[in-house]
Amino acid sequence: MKFACFGGDMRIVSLASMLEAAGHSVCCFALENAPADKIKSCSLCPAAAAAQADCAILPLPAENSHGGLNAPFSAFPRSMEKLLSGLTPKTLICAGKPSSELLALAERQQLRMV
């Protein structure tokens, strides 16, 4: 399977590493300041990270206190709307504690979020 991991803390970094070790394809976004030895593939563009992904994984919690992507390893704020715009309806989105606003945004874009 192909996974896209967006933002998050060491839990997402560890998950990405475990998925790669299990033979899955993983591309990360908004983890540019994560430990380099843990992340093999990191993209500068959310759409490129999500290209052909079977599953997109958002952090726990998915959003920060400002409603953007919870991305402590990123040097920049990340818009949830821009992030979701790079995903397709075929991609399953797994999100930790998504807000009602985030769920509504996904629904408007016809995305499957759990």
Protein backbone atom coordinates (compact mmCIF):
# COMPACT_ATOMS: atom_id res chain seq x y z
CA MET A 1 0.00 0.00 0.00
CA LYS A 2 0.97 3.62 -0.41
CA PHE A 3 0.65 5.93 2.60
CA ALA A 4 0.92 9.69 2.97
CA CYS A 5 1.77 10.91 6.48
CA PHE A 6 1.00 14.54 7.25
CA GLY A 7 2.43 16.49 10.18
CA GLY A 8 2.36 15.18 13.70
CA ASP A 9 4.95 14.33 16.29
CA MET A 10 7.21 11.35 16.93
CA ARG A 11 4.18 9.03 16.82
CA ILE A 12 3.70 9.80 13.10
CA VAL A 13 7.45 9.63 12.50
CA SER A 14 7.57 6.19 14.15
CA LEU A 15 4.49 5.03 12.24
CA ALA A 16 6.01 6.12 8.91
CA SER A 17 9.21 4.24 9.77
CA MET A 18 7.28 1.08 10.74
CA LEU A 19 5.18 1.20 7.56
CA GLU A 20 8.34 1.49 5.44
CA ALA A 21 9.96 -1.39 7.34
CA ALA A 22 6.86 -3.48 6.56
CA GLY A 23 7.39 -2.84 2.84
CA HIS A 24 4.84 -0.08 2.25
CA SER A 25 5.50 3.06 0.23
CA VAL A 26 5.40 6.16 2.45
CA CYS A 27 5.69 9.85 1.61
CA CYS A 28 5.58 12.49 4.34
CA PHE A 29 4.65 16.16 4.40
CA ALA A 30 5.21 18.82 7.09
CA LEU A 31 7.83 16.68 8.82
CA GLU A 32 10.89 18.47 7.45
CA ASN A 33 12.39 18.97 10.92
CA ALA A 34 11.84 15.38 12.07
CA PRO A 35 14.89 13.20 12.76
CA ALA A 36 16.41 12.58 9.30
CA ASP A 37 17.28 8.97 10.09
CA LYS A 38 13.58 8.14 10.60
CA ILE A 39 12.01 9.70 7.47
CA LYS A 40 13.04 8.40 4.03
CA SER A 41 10.69 10.36 1.78
CA CYS A 42 9.45 13.88 2.53
CA SER A 43 7.70 16.16 0.05
CA LEU A 44 7.45 19.95 -0.02
CA CYS A 45 3.95 19.74 -1.48
CA PRO A 46 0.91 18.04 0.11
CA ALA A 47 -0.49 17.02 -3.29
CA ALA A 48 2.82 15.37 -4.24
CA ALA A 49 2.95 13.52 -0.91
CA ALA A 50 -0.62 12.31 -1.43
CA ALA A 51 -0.24 11.35 -5.10
CA GLN A 52 -1.69 7.87 -5.57
CA ALA A 53 -1.87 7.29 -1.79
CA ASP A 54 -4.27 4.59 -0.64
CA CYS A 55 -4.35 6.10 2.85
CA ALA A 56 -3.52 9.54 4.23
CA ILE A 57 -2.66 9.68 7.92
CA LEU A 58 -3.17 12.86 9.91
CA PRO A 59 -1.80 13.34 13.43
CA LEU A 60 -3.44 13.12 16.84
CA PRO A 61 -4.88 15.64 17.24
CA ALA A 62 -5.25 16.42 13.55
CA GLU A 63 -5.40 20.17 14.07
CA ASN A 64 -3.49 22.66 16.15
CA SER A 65 -5.12 25.38 18.27
CA HIS A 66 -5.39 27.64 15.19
CA GLY A 67 -7.26 25.09 13.06
CA GLY A 68 -4.22 24.27 10.91
CA LEU A 69 -2.41 20.97 10.60
CA ASN A 70 -0.84 19.87 13.87
CA ALA A 71 2.75 19.84 12.62
CA PRO A 72 5.32 20.50 15.35
CA PHE A 73 8.13 19.23 13.07
CA SER A 74 7.27 21.78 10.38
CA ALA A 75 8.75 25.27 10.23
CA PHE A 76 5.59 26.65 8.61
CA PRO A 77 1.87 26.75 9.41
CA ARG A 78 -0.08 24.34 7.21
CA SER A 79 -3.64 24.91 6.02
CA MET A 80 -6.05 21.99 6.38
CA GLU A 81 -7.99 23.19 3.33
CA LYS A 82 -4.86 23.19 1.15
CA LEU A 83 -3.82 19.80 2.54
CA LEU A 84 -7.20 18.18 1.83
CA SER A 85 -7.38 19.72 -1.65
CA GLY A 86 -4.50 17.45 -2.69
CA LEU A 87 -6.42 14.29 -1.79
CA THR A 88 -8.86 12.34 -3.93
CA PRO A 89 -12.10 10.59 -2.92
CA LYS A 90 -10.40 7.19 -3.34
CA THR A 91 -7.92 7.98 -0.54
CA LEU A 92 -8.98 6.95 2.95
CA ILE A 93 -8.07 9.64 5.49
CA CYS A 94 -7.31 8.58 9.06
CA ALA A 95 -7.36 11.53 11.45
CA GLY A 96 -6.98 11.79 15.21
CA LYS A 97 -9.75 13.76 16.91
CA PRO A 98 -10.90 15.68 13.80
CA SER A 99 -12.97 18.75 14.60
CA SER A 100 -16.49 19.13 13.26
CA GLU A 101 -15.11 21.82 10.92
CA LEU A 102 -12.50 19.43 9.53
CA LEU A 103 -15.09 16.68 9.04
CA ALA A 104 -17.38 19.15 7.25
CA LEU A 105 -14.50 20.29 5.03
CA ALA A 106 -13.75 16.68 4.08
CA GLU A 107 -17.42 16.03 3.37
CA ARG A 108 -17.67 19.12 1.12
CA GLN A 109 -14.68 17.79 -0.84
CA GLN A 110 -16.27 14.31 -0.94
CA LEU A 111 -13.39 12.75 1.02
CA ARG A 112 -13.64 9.72 3.35
CA MET A 113 -12.32 10.59 6.78
CA VAL A 114 -12.30 8.33 9.82
